[in-house]
Every structure is written in structure tokens, then in C-alpha cells.
Amino acid sequence: MQRTVLVVDDDASNLASLVTIFERLGLRALPATSGREALDTLRGTPIDVVLTDLMMPGMSGVDLLKNVKAIAPDTEVIVMTAYGTIERAVEAMREGAYDFVTKPFRRAQIERVVTRAVEKQNLLAENKALRAQLADARGARATTGGIIGNAPALRKVLETARQAAPSTATVLLMGESGTGKELFARAIHQLSPRAEASFVAVNCGALPDSIIEAELFGAERGAYTGANTTRDGRFSRADGGTLFLDEVGELAPHVQVKLLRVLQSGEFERLGGSQTLHVDCRIIAATNLDLAQAVRNGDFREDLYYRLNVIPITLPPLRARPDDVPLLADHFLRLYAEKNGKTVEGLSARGLARLVDYAWPGNVRELENTIERAVVLAQGTVIDEDDLPETILGERRDAQVLTIPLGTPLEEIERRVIRETLRFTDNDKKRAAQLLGIATRTIYRKLES
């Protein structure tokens, strides 16, 4: 969309020169030789930016500014002033001017100021479009970036995510496992000006300490055994886009230091390298840990915590939004019926009641797995309560008992308990870590030892 700049100056030669400059920038430039002529143009034509001389006969630049803000509050106004009248320019700033430039000005200076004002207009337009998109998404099946639900608790965090999306501020997504933190991260990315660039995700808890640094920052050839070539890390791949750091609370202390530096300066070095690299990527971090408590325990850097916690968003557990269960169940039912080539028309009233009454400790992920299982195993075209797993029906599983002989070394006991817990959780390492009260990366470390 071509933006329009209205140039107001009683000096005809200066006016013509400015119009030419802006037209070469690809802008539509309209001239006006007085404040009144400018207002007449503004009433009949949408204007994005007004560039006006401060000292003009008749209506001054400050008076024009006040009238522009009354007619078109979103229009940005830039004033041009001579050195001796800078105080008037400061007054104009107090009245709502976007910026001012002093005469005589350089071409590059005036181009830079006007370009910034145009970029702000582009951002405002995107914001309005996003507001309209969110408004359209509300209703019985409010969706944003694949996020389904209409519960007030969900709408509240969706609104925060929408407001945060156009900015470059770091977002910290918190909440229980299975609440959809990566889905929210992708939605924020898609609603941001970086949507056309890469979204790069990394699970910090799933990578051993020995390779996480190389994965994030890259590695030079020979940095470690098997590093036969120089390779980029996730930060480099996310340049210009968004980097999603899932389970950020699992990062080792030495990696936390390097991450803090990137957040502060956008600079880092590859593992084994000395060349300073620069990156421009938006960071979205996620955790199911209490990072504030981790800071108090000395397990997480306080300065890094505050760098990540610029815009905190806590995702509600599914039990806090039971009205969304039917919407989610219907979505997953249709999804997995199509994937598996099955004709499943829906859920029976009894089956749906069971789903709504269940507490869903595994949140949306557990509901999705439950519906997928039910679709695959269903004998008819309607899923009834008999097609649901015993946990949903309120029946308890047999207690899991592990017998360990006396004298078994402590390290072996730890490994056996971890293996049996993983078997119980169907190899869900996050769930196993929660049951054992340890970090996910501890599972990897104990099993590797």
C-alpha cells in the first residue's frame, strides 16, 4: 500500500524539492503552501504523514498540528524549524508531533525521519488488521493461529499475545505441560511483522548439556569430536524471525550466560570460534517450572530471568476452561478421522459428559491423545464412553510397584526408577520428570551415566 505524505511549506522551491524527494522514495507526496490549504487536503484525502514548516504566515505549524490531530488523530506530524526556534519545536512535540528536523537539513536526515513515521503507520495498520482478525475469531469457535477455545481465561491470554505480537519484546510463556505453549509461540510469530521469516524451535530440555551450546550458537570446524565443518546454530537460522526456546529453565549455567549476552547485545560466538556474530531475532521462551523459585534456589540466573520475563503469559490449564473441551474434542475428532480415513460423526452425550467432567492433568495434549485413540479404536460412527480409556471413566490403574533388592547401588536404583517411570508414562519424559520431581535433562544425564 502506497503511503501519502502531505508537505506544507510557504517556500515554493523548498516545497517542490521535498515533494521530489518523497516521490523518489515511492511515497505519494501532496504539496500545500499554507495551513488552510493543508487542512482542505486532509479533509478530502487520507494522509499518513504531514511534514510542515513551523513558521508560516497565517496558520503556524503548531496550530496546523492541533487541527490535524483533531481531524485525523492517527496522522503523524513532523515539523521543520530553524535553529533559533527549537523551543517552538519542543512545544509541538508536547502537542503530539512525531518528530522535528532543523533547517538547513540534509536529505538523508529528512528521509530517515519521514520513513520512520511511515513505518509507524504501517505498524498501526497491521495492528488494526490484527484486532479485526481477533474479533472475527471470537465466538463459539474462536481461533487464533490454530488455538481453539472461547473460555474467558483463554481469551484473556490471547488478547495479551495479540498485543505483544507486533513488538520485538521477549515473551515468556508459562504453564503446565500440554497447555499449548509452542502453539501460542507460533501464533505470536504469525501475528508479528516477522511472520514471513523463520520460526525456529528448540527444546532445551531434550538436548544434553554436551550439545545444547552448539545447537543454539553453532560450532566451528574442530570445536568438538565429529565437527568436520562449520555449522550455524538455531540463533543464526532464526535471524530476522523468531526463536522459540522451550523448557528454557533446563539450560545449564554456562549456556544461560551466553543466552543473556545475546538478549542484551544480539552478539555471540560459535562454539570454538572467536568471530563475533550478530543476530536479530525475536525470543519467545517457555517453561513449566517456577523460574522465580529457580532463581531463589540459585538454579537460574536472576538477570536472565528478568530479560526473559518482559511479557509474561501464563497459559490456563484445560481444567480451568471446561467449556472448551467440546470444541477441542470436535476439532481433534475431525482431524484424526480424516487422517485415519474413518467415518466418525461425533461423540455421544455420555461420552462428551465424561470428557467435560475429567480433570485433564495432561491438558490439551492429553485430550488430543485420548481422541486420537478413541477414533482409531472406535467400532461405530459415534464415540461413546465405552470407547474412552479407563482413566477418563474414573477407574484407577493398578498401583505401580518396583521391588529393588537391598544392597543395590544408589546410581542403579535411580536408573531403574527412571526407566520404570518412563515405561509408566509411555516414554513421556516431561511427565516422568514431573512425577519424579526432577528436571527433564536430569533424566537424560542419569540414563547416560
Protein backbone atom coordinates (compact mmCIF):
# COMPACT_ATOMS: atom_id res chain seq x y z
CA MET A 1 0.00 0.00 0.00
CA GLN A 2 1.42 3.38 -1.04
CA ARG A 3 1.60 5.86 1.84
CA THR A 4 0.76 9.54 1.43
CA VAL A 5 2.84 12.46 2.75
CA LEU A 6 1.41 15.98 2.84
CA VAL A 7 4.21 18.58 2.60
CA VAL A 8 3.35 22.08 3.88
CA ASP A 9 5.74 24.99 3.22
CA ASP A 10 5.24 28.55 2.03
CA ASP A 11 8.64 28.41 0.27
CA ALA A 12 7.75 27.15 -3.23
CA SER A 13 11.28 25.93 -4.14
CA ASN A 14 11.70 24.04 -0.86
CA LEU A 15 8.21 22.56 -1.25
CA ALA A 16 8.94 21.28 -4.76
CA SER A 17 12.28 19.80 -3.64
CA LEU A 18 10.67 17.89 -0.77
CA VAL A 19 7.88 16.54 -2.97
CA THR A 20 10.51 15.20 -5.41
CA ILE A 21 12.47 13.54 -2.58
CA PHE A 22 9.45 11.68 -1.25
CA GLU A 23 8.21 10.61 -4.67
CA ARG A 24 11.61 9.01 -5.29
CA LEU A 25 11.11 7.09 -2.04
CA GLY A 26 7.95 5.58 -3.53
CA LEU A 27 5.61 7.76 -1.49
CA ARG A 28 2.66 9.77 -2.74
CA ALA A 29 3.61 13.39 -1.97
CA LEU A 30 0.99 16.16 -1.94
CA PRO A 31 2.02 19.86 -1.71
CA ALA A 32 0.35 22.64 0.27
CA THR A 33 1.56 26.24 0.58
CA SER A 34 -0.40 27.10 3.74
CA GLY A 35 -2.01 25.56 6.78
CA ARG A 36 -5.51 26.18 5.46
CA GLU A 37 -4.72 24.53 2.12
CA ALA A 38 -3.27 21.58 4.06
CA LEU A 39 -6.47 21.19 6.10
CA ASP A 40 -8.60 21.28 2.95
CA THR A 41 -6.48 18.46 1.51
CA LEU A 42 -6.64 16.50 4.76
CA ARG A 43 -10.45 16.64 4.85
CA GLY A 44 -10.72 15.10 1.41
CA THR A 45 -7.74 12.72 1.29
CA PRO A 46 -6.40 10.14 3.77
CA ILE A 47 -2.96 11.36 4.85
CA ASP A 48 -0.41 9.22 6.69
CA VAL A 49 2.27 11.82 7.46
CA VAL A 50 2.21 15.63 7.48
CA LEU A 51 5.57 17.42 7.14
CA THR A 52 5.06 21.10 7.90
CA ASP A 53 7.17 24.20 8.29
CA LEU A 54 6.86 25.62 11.78
CA MET A 55 6.94 29.34 10.95
CA MET A 56 4.38 30.22 8.27
CA PRO A 57 2.18 33.29 7.72
CA GLY A 58 -1.42 32.85 8.78
CA MET A 59 -1.67 29.46 10.45
CA SER A 60 1.55 28.36 12.20
CA GLY A 61 2.88 24.82 12.18
CA VAL A 62 1.79 24.31 15.80
CA ASP A 63 -1.74 25.46 15.00
CA LEU A 64 -1.81 23.17 11.98
CA LEU A 65 -0.63 20.29 14.19
CA LYS A 66 -3.53 20.83 16.61
CA ASN A 67 -6.04 20.88 13.76
CA VAL A 68 -4.55 17.76 12.15
CA LYS A 69 -4.81 15.84 15.43
CA ALA A 70 -8.43 16.94 15.77
CA ILE A 71 -9.36 15.83 12.23
CA ALA A 72 -7.14 12.73 11.87
CA PRO A 73 -5.65 11.67 15.24
CA ASP A 74 -3.64 8.79 13.72
CA THR A 75 -1.82 11.01 11.20
CA GLU A 76 1.80 11.62 12.17
CA VAL A 77 3.07 15.22 12.05
CA ILE A 78 6.71 16.24 11.62
CA VAL A 79 7.68 19.89 11.95
CA MET A 80 10.56 21.71 10.25
CA THR A 81 12.14 24.53 12.21
CA ALA A 82 15.10 26.89 12.07
CA TYR A 83 17.76 26.59 14.75
CA GLY A 84 16.55 29.66 16.61
CA THR A 85 13.01 28.32 17.05
CA ILE A 86 13.76 24.90 18.54
CA GLU A 87 11.73 25.84 21.63
CA ARG A 88 8.65 26.05 19.40
CA ALA A 89 9.51 22.61 18.02
CA VAL A 90 9.64 21.22 21.54
CA GLU A 91 6.22 22.77 22.14
CA ALA A 92 5.00 20.97 19.02
CA MET A 93 6.29 17.69 20.41
CA ARG A 94 4.25 18.28 23.55
CA GLU A 95 1.20 18.78 21.36
CA GLY A 96 1.69 15.40 19.73
CA ALA A 97 4.22 15.90 16.91
CA TYR A 98 6.03 12.73 15.93
CA ASP A 99 9.43 14.46 15.49
CA PHE A 100 11.10 17.63 14.27
CA VAL A 101 14.01 18.50 11.96
CA THR A 102 16.08 21.65 11.98
CA LYS A 103 16.88 23.73 8.90
CA PRO A 104 19.02 23.52 6.93
CA PHE A 105 18.59 19.76 6.96
CA ARG A 106 20.35 17.06 4.97
CA ARG A 107 18.36 14.95 2.54
CA ALA A 108 19.29 11.74 4.38
CA GLN A 109 18.01 13.21 7.64
CA ILE A 110 14.59 14.17 6.30
CA GLU A 111 14.26 10.82 4.51
CA ARG A 112 15.09 8.92 7.70
CA VAL A 113 12.57 10.80 9.88
CA VAL A 114 9.73 10.52 7.38
CA THR A 115 10.50 6.84 6.70
CA ARG A 116 10.27 6.09 10.43
CA ALA A 117 6.90 7.84 10.61
CA VAL A 118 5.66 5.83 7.61
CA GLU A 119 6.86 2.61 9.23
CA LYS A 120 4.87 3.53 12.35
CA GLN A 121 1.79 3.98 10.16
CA ASN A 122 2.40 0.53 8.66
CA LEU A 123 2.58 -0.93 12.16
CA LEU A 124 -0.66 0.80 13.17
CA ALA A 125 -2.37 -0.60 10.09
CA GLU A 126 -1.14 -4.09 10.92
CA ASN A 127 -2.37 -3.62 14.48
CA LYS A 128 -5.86 -2.72 13.25
CA ALA A 129 -5.88 -5.72 10.95
CA LEU A 130 -4.86 -7.97 13.84
CA ARG A 131 -7.61 -6.52 16.04
CA ALA A 132 -10.15 -7.24 13.33
CA GLN A 133 -8.74 -10.73 12.92
CA LEU A 134 -9.04 -11.42 16.65
CA ALA A 135 -12.58 -10.00 16.74
CA ASP A 136 -13.61 -12.28 13.88
CA ALA A 137 -12.02 -15.23 15.67
CA ARG A 138 -14.16 -14.82 18.79
CA GLY A 139 -17.37 -16.77 19.09
CA ALA A 140 -18.34 -20.38 19.51
CA ARG A 141 -15.06 -21.42 17.88
CA ALA A 142 -12.64 -18.61 18.49
CA THR A 143 -9.34 -19.49 16.90
CA THR A 144 -6.02 -17.73 16.58
CA GLY A 145 -3.15 -19.49 14.89
CA GLY A 146 -4.79 -22.87 15.49
CA ILE A 147 -5.68 -22.07 19.11
CA ILE A 148 -9.25 -23.21 19.75
CA GLY A 149 -11.45 -22.03 22.57
CA ASN A 150 -13.79 -19.36 23.84
CA ALA A 151 -13.32 -19.51 27.61
CA PRO A 152 -12.63 -16.16 29.32
CA ALA A 153 -9.32 -17.47 30.70
CA LEU A 154 -8.16 -18.29 27.17
CA ARG A 155 -9.47 -15.07 25.62
CA LYS A 156 -7.52 -13.07 28.18
CA VAL A 157 -4.17 -14.65 27.30
CA LEU A 158 -5.00 -14.50 23.58
CA GLU A 159 -5.52 -10.76 23.89
CA THR A 160 -2.17 -10.36 25.67
CA ALA A 161 -0.48 -12.45 22.97
CA ARG A 162 -2.11 -10.36 20.25
CA GLN A 163 -0.92 -7.13 21.86
CA ALA A 164 2.59 -8.48 22.26
CA ALA A 165 2.87 -9.87 18.72
CA PRO A 166 3.71 -6.67 16.76
CA SER A 167 6.53 -5.74 19.18
CA THR A 168 10.03 -7.15 19.50
CA ALA A 169 9.68 -7.71 23.25
CA THR A 170 10.67 -11.07 24.69
CA VAL A 171 7.70 -13.21 25.71
CA LEU A 172 7.83 -15.81 28.49
CA LEU A 173 5.12 -18.47 28.20
CA MET A 174 4.42 -20.29 31.44
CA GLY A 175 2.03 -23.02 32.43
CA GLU A 176 1.65 -26.75 32.85
CA SER A 177 2.84 -29.24 30.26
CA GLY A 178 0.39 -29.80 27.46
CA THR A 179 -1.24 -26.35 27.57
CA GLY A 180 -0.02 -25.45 24.08
CA LYS A 181 2.97 -23.19 24.68
CA GLU A 182 4.54 -23.88 21.28
CA LEU A 183 1.18 -23.30 19.60
CA PHE A 184 0.99 -19.91 21.30
CA ALA A 185 4.57 -19.12 20.29
CA ARG A 186 3.77 -19.89 16.65
CA ALA A 187 0.61 -17.77 16.85
CA ILE A 188 2.59 -14.80 18.20
CA HIS A 189 5.10 -15.25 15.37
CA GLN A 190 2.36 -15.43 12.73
CA LEU A 191 0.73 -12.27 14.09
CA SER A 192 4.04 -10.37 14.09
CA PRO A 193 5.82 -8.39 11.34
CA ARG A 194 8.31 -11.31 11.24
CA ALA A 195 5.69 -13.79 10.04
CA GLU A 196 7.35 -14.26 6.64
CA ALA A 197 10.70 -15.13 8.26
CA SER A 198 11.69 -18.34 10.03
CA PHE A 199 10.16 -19.71 13.21
CA VAL A 200 12.83 -21.90 14.81
CA ALA A 201 12.00 -24.04 17.85
CA VAL A 202 14.42 -25.80 20.17
CA ASN A 203 13.59 -27.97 23.18
CA CYS A 204 16.26 -27.02 25.68
CA GLY A 205 15.31 -29.88 27.99
CA ALA A 206 15.58 -32.57 25.32
CA LEU A 207 19.19 -31.78 24.38
CA PRO A 208 22.08 -32.97 26.58
CA ASP A 209 24.36 -30.31 28.07
CA SER A 210 27.16 -31.53 25.81
CA ILE A 211 25.44 -30.37 22.61
CA ILE A 212 22.98 -27.64 23.58
CA GLU A 213 25.54 -24.84 23.19
CA ALA A 214 26.48 -25.96 19.68
CA GLU A 215 22.80 -26.34 18.75
CA LEU A 216 21.98 -22.81 19.86
CA PHE A 217 25.06 -20.89 18.75
CA GLY A 218 26.65 -23.10 16.11
CA ALA A 219 30.15 -24.57 16.09
CA GLU A 220 33.40 -24.04 14.24
CA ARG A 221 35.13 -26.89 12.47
CA GLY A 222 37.09 -28.93 15.01
CA ALA A 223 35.25 -27.45 18.01
CA TYR A 224 34.49 -30.99 19.19
CA THR A 225 34.91 -34.57 18.02
CA GLY A 226 32.94 -35.03 14.84
CA ALA A 227 32.69 -31.31 13.99
CA ASN A 228 34.05 -31.69 10.47
CA THR A 229 32.55 -28.45 9.15
CA THR A 230 31.49 -25.09 10.49
CA ARG A 231 27.76 -25.03 11.05
CA ASP A 232 25.19 -22.47 12.08
CA GLY A 233 23.11 -22.79 15.23
CA ARG A 234 19.47 -22.08 15.86
CA PHE A 235 20.10 -18.38 16.52
CA SER A 236 21.59 -17.89 13.06
CA ARG A 237 18.74 -19.82 11.45
CA ALA A 238 16.21 -17.61 13.23
CA ASP A 239 17.86 -14.34 12.12
CA GLY A 240 15.09 -11.96 11.10
CA GLY A 241 12.45 -14.28 12.55
CA THR A 242 11.55 -15.86 15.89
CA LEU A 243 13.46 -18.30 18.10
CA PHE A 244 11.33 -20.37 20.46
CA LEU A 245 13.22 -21.70 23.49
CA ASP A 246 11.04 -24.41 25.01
CA GLU A 247 11.89 -25.62 28.53
CA VAL A 248 14.28 -22.69 28.92
CA GLY A 249 14.54 -23.42 32.64
CA GLU A 250 16.56 -26.55 31.83
CA LEU A 251 19.52 -24.62 30.38
CA ALA A 252 22.88 -25.22 32.01
CA PRO A 253 24.51 -22.22 33.77
CA HIS A 254 27.21 -21.67 31.14
CA VAL A 255 24.59 -21.59 28.38
CA GLN A 256 22.48 -19.16 30.40
CA VAL A 257 25.44 -16.74 30.34
CA LYS A 258 25.71 -16.86 26.54
CA LEU A 259 21.94 -16.51 26.15
CA LEU A 260 21.95 -13.44 28.39
CA ARG A 261 24.59 -11.84 26.18
CA VAL A 262 22.54 -12.41 23.03
CA LEU A 263 19.48 -10.87 24.67
CA GLN A 264 21.49 -7.85 25.77
CA SER A 265 23.52 -7.15 22.64
CA GLY A 266 22.46 -9.53 19.86
CA GLU A 267 26.03 -10.85 19.77
CA PHE A 268 27.54 -14.33 20.21
CA GLU A 269 30.37 -16.58 19.04
CA ARG A 270 30.11 -20.09 17.68
CA LEU A 271 31.42 -22.87 19.87
CA GLY A 272 35.19 -22.98 19.37
CA GLY A 273 35.20 -19.66 17.47
CA SER A 274 36.34 -16.11 18.14
CA GLN A 275 34.41 -14.19 15.48
CA THR A 276 31.58 -12.14 16.96
CA LEU A 277 28.32 -12.73 15.11
CA HIS A 278 25.24 -10.51 15.18
CA VAL A 279 21.64 -11.69 15.11
CA ASP A 280 18.23 -10.03 15.05
CA CYS A 281 15.60 -12.48 16.20
CA ARG A 282 12.60 -12.28 18.48
CA ILE A 283 12.87 -14.57 21.52
CA ILE A 284 9.88 -16.44 22.89
CA ALA A 285 10.72 -18.68 25.83
CA ALA A 286 8.58 -21.26 27.59
CA THR A 287 8.77 -23.21 30.83
CA ASN A 288 6.62 -25.34 33.08
CA LEU A 289 8.97 -24.61 36.00
CA ASP A 290 8.66 -21.82 38.53
CA LEU A 291 11.59 -19.71 37.28
CA ALA A 292 11.26 -17.23 40.13
CA GLN A 293 11.75 -20.11 42.58
CA ALA A 294 14.62 -21.43 40.45
CA VAL A 295 16.26 -18.01 40.80
CA ARG A 296 15.85 -18.15 44.57
CA ASN A 297 17.32 -21.65 44.58
CA GLY A 298 20.32 -20.49 42.58
CA ASP A 299 19.46 -22.71 39.59
CA PHE A 300 18.63 -19.89 37.19
CA ARG A 301 20.30 -16.53 36.66
CA GLU A 302 18.29 -13.62 38.03
CA ASP A 303 19.44 -11.20 35.28
CA LEU A 304 18.45 -13.71 32.58
CA TYR A 305 15.07 -14.25 34.23
CA TYR A 306 14.25 -10.55 34.05
CA ARG A 307 15.43 -10.38 30.42
CA LEU A 308 13.08 -13.21 29.50
CA ASN A 309 10.18 -12.08 31.66
CA VAL A 310 9.40 -8.87 29.73
CA ILE A 311 5.91 -10.01 28.73
CA PRO A 312 4.87 -12.98 30.89
CA ILE A 313 1.88 -15.02 29.71
CA THR A 314 0.58 -17.88 31.85
CA LEU A 315 -1.50 -20.33 29.84
CA PRO A 316 -4.55 -21.68 31.64
CA PRO A 317 -4.81 -25.44 32.24
CA LEU A 318 -7.65 -27.23 30.47
CA ARG A 319 -9.46 -27.84 33.77
CA ALA A 320 -9.83 -24.04 34.05
CA ARG A 321 -11.69 -23.93 30.72
CA PRO A 322 -14.06 -26.93 30.69
CA ASP A 323 -16.41 -25.21 28.22
CA ASP A 324 -13.65 -25.50 25.62
CA VAL A 325 -13.45 -29.30 25.91
CA PRO A 326 -16.33 -29.93 23.43
CA LEU A 327 -14.76 -27.54 20.90
CA LEU A 328 -11.34 -29.14 21.19
CA ALA A 329 -12.74 -32.67 21.15
CA ASP A 330 -14.71 -31.95 17.98
CA HIS A 331 -11.62 -30.45 16.33
CA PHE A 332 -9.40 -33.43 17.17
CA LEU A 333 -12.14 -35.91 16.22
CA ARG A 334 -12.43 -34.44 12.72
CA LEU A 335 -8.66 -34.18 12.39
CA TYR A 336 -7.90 -37.81 13.27
CA ALA A 337 -10.94 -39.22 11.49
CA GLU A 338 -9.61 -37.66 8.28
CA LYS A 339 -6.03 -38.77 8.96
CA ASN A 340 -7.10 -42.36 9.59
CA GLY A 341 -9.72 -42.50 6.84
CA LYS A 342 -12.54 -43.29 9.28
CA THR A 343 -16.15 -42.14 9.31
CA VAL A 344 -16.79 -40.79 12.79
CA GLU A 345 -19.74 -38.46 13.17
CA GLY A 346 -19.11 -37.25 16.71
CA LEU A 347 -19.35 -38.02 20.40
CA SER A 348 -22.35 -39.36 22.27
CA ALA A 349 -23.83 -37.26 25.05
CA ARG A 350 -22.47 -39.67 27.67
CA GLY A 351 -19.03 -39.70 26.08
CA LEU A 352 -18.88 -35.93 25.92
CA ALA A 353 -20.04 -35.64 29.54
CA ARG A 354 -17.17 -37.91 30.61
CA LEU A 355 -14.67 -35.69 28.79
CA VAL A 356 -16.04 -32.49 30.32
CA ASP A 357 -16.03 -33.97 33.85
CA TYR A 358 -12.42 -35.20 33.63
CA ALA A 359 -9.68 -33.03 35.21
CA TRP A 360 -7.17 -33.42 32.31
CA PRO A 361 -3.86 -33.37 34.22
CA GLY A 362 -2.11 -33.67 30.85
CA ASN A 363 -4.15 -30.74 29.49
CA VAL A 364 -4.85 -30.29 25.76
CA ARG A 365 -2.16 -32.78 24.77
CA GLU A 366 -3.83 -35.50 26.84
CA LEU A 367 -7.22 -34.67 25.32
CA GLU A 368 -5.75 -34.87 21.82
CA ASN A 369 -4.17 -38.26 22.53
CA THR A 370 -7.44 -39.51 24.04
CA ILE A 371 -9.48 -38.52 20.99
CA GLU A 372 -6.92 -39.98 18.58
CA ARG A 373 -7.02 -43.30 20.45
CA ALA A 374 -10.81 -43.29 20.52
CA VAL A 375 -11.05 -42.57 16.78
CA VAL A 376 -8.59 -45.33 15.89
CA LEU A 377 -10.26 -47.95 18.11
CA ALA A 378 -13.93 -46.94 17.64
CA GLN A 379 -16.15 -49.69 16.18
CA GLY A 380 -19.05 -47.42 15.24
CA THR A 381 -19.57 -43.97 13.81
CA VAL A 382 -20.20 -42.35 17.22
CA ILE A 383 -17.66 -42.36 20.06
CA ASP A 384 -19.36 -43.46 23.27
CA GLU A 385 -18.00 -43.58 26.81
CA ASP A 386 -17.02 -47.22 26.28
CA ASP A 387 -14.53 -46.06 23.65
CA LEU A 388 -12.70 -43.89 26.19
CA PRO A 389 -9.76 -45.09 28.31
CA GLU A 390 -10.24 -46.24 31.89
CA THR A 391 -8.57 -43.12 33.30
CA ILE A 392 -11.30 -40.95 31.78
CA LEU A 393 -14.02 -43.25 33.16
CA GLY A 394 -12.73 -42.79 36.68
CA GLU A 395 -11.24 -46.25 37.13
CA ARG A 396 -7.85 -46.47 38.75
CA ARG A 397 -4.92 -48.27 37.29
CA ASP A 398 -3.23 -50.92 39.36
CA ALA A 399 -0.61 -49.41 41.63
CA GLN A 400 2.84 -49.45 40.11
CA VAL A 401 5.26 -51.22 42.45
CA LEU A 402 9.00 -51.57 41.90
CA THR A 403 10.91 -54.06 44.03
CA ILE A 404 14.62 -53.34 44.50
CA PRO A 405 16.89 -55.72 46.41
CA LEU A 406 18.81 -54.41 49.40
CA GLY A 407 22.38 -53.51 48.55
CA THR A 408 21.58 -52.22 45.07
CA PRO A 409 23.90 -49.26 44.34
CA LEU A 410 22.14 -45.89 44.58
CA GLU A 411 23.01 -44.95 40.98
CA GLU A 412 21.43 -48.17 39.73
CA ILE A 413 18.31 -47.54 41.84
CA GLU A 414 17.96 -44.11 40.25
CA ARG A 415 18.28 -45.53 36.75
CA ARG A 416 15.75 -48.29 37.40
CA VAL A 417 13.22 -45.88 38.91
CA ILE A 418 13.61 -43.56 35.92
CA ARG A 419 13.21 -46.43 33.42
CA GLU A 420 10.09 -47.76 35.15
CA THR A 421 8.58 -44.28 35.37
CA LEU A 422 9.24 -43.77 31.67
CA ARG A 423 7.53 -47.10 30.96
CA PHE A 424 4.55 -45.98 33.04
CA THR A 425 4.29 -42.68 31.13
CA ASP A 426 4.75 -44.33 27.71
CA ASN A 427 8.20 -42.70 27.43
CA ASP A 428 6.83 -39.20 28.02
CA LYS A 429 9.94 -37.69 29.57
CA LYS A 430 8.24 -34.46 30.63
CA ARG A 431 5.54 -36.35 32.50
CA ALA A 432 8.11 -38.70 34.04
CA ALA A 433 10.19 -35.74 35.22
CA GLN A 434 7.11 -34.19 36.83
CA LEU A 435 6.23 -37.44 38.63
CA LEU A 436 9.80 -37.79 39.90
CA GLY A 437 10.16 -34.12 40.81
CA ILE A 438 13.29 -33.63 38.72
CA ALA A 439 14.29 -31.67 35.62
CA THR A 440 13.85 -33.34 32.24
CA ARG A 441 17.56 -33.03 31.44
CA THR A 442 18.32 -34.92 34.65
CA ILE A 443 16.64 -37.97 33.09
CA TYR A 444 18.98 -37.79 30.10
CA ARG A 445 22.01 -37.29 32.35
CA LYS A 446 21.15 -40.20 34.67
CA LEU A 447 20.46 -42.61 31.81
CA GLU A 448 23.68 -41.62 30.02
CA SER A 449 25.88 -42.12 33.09
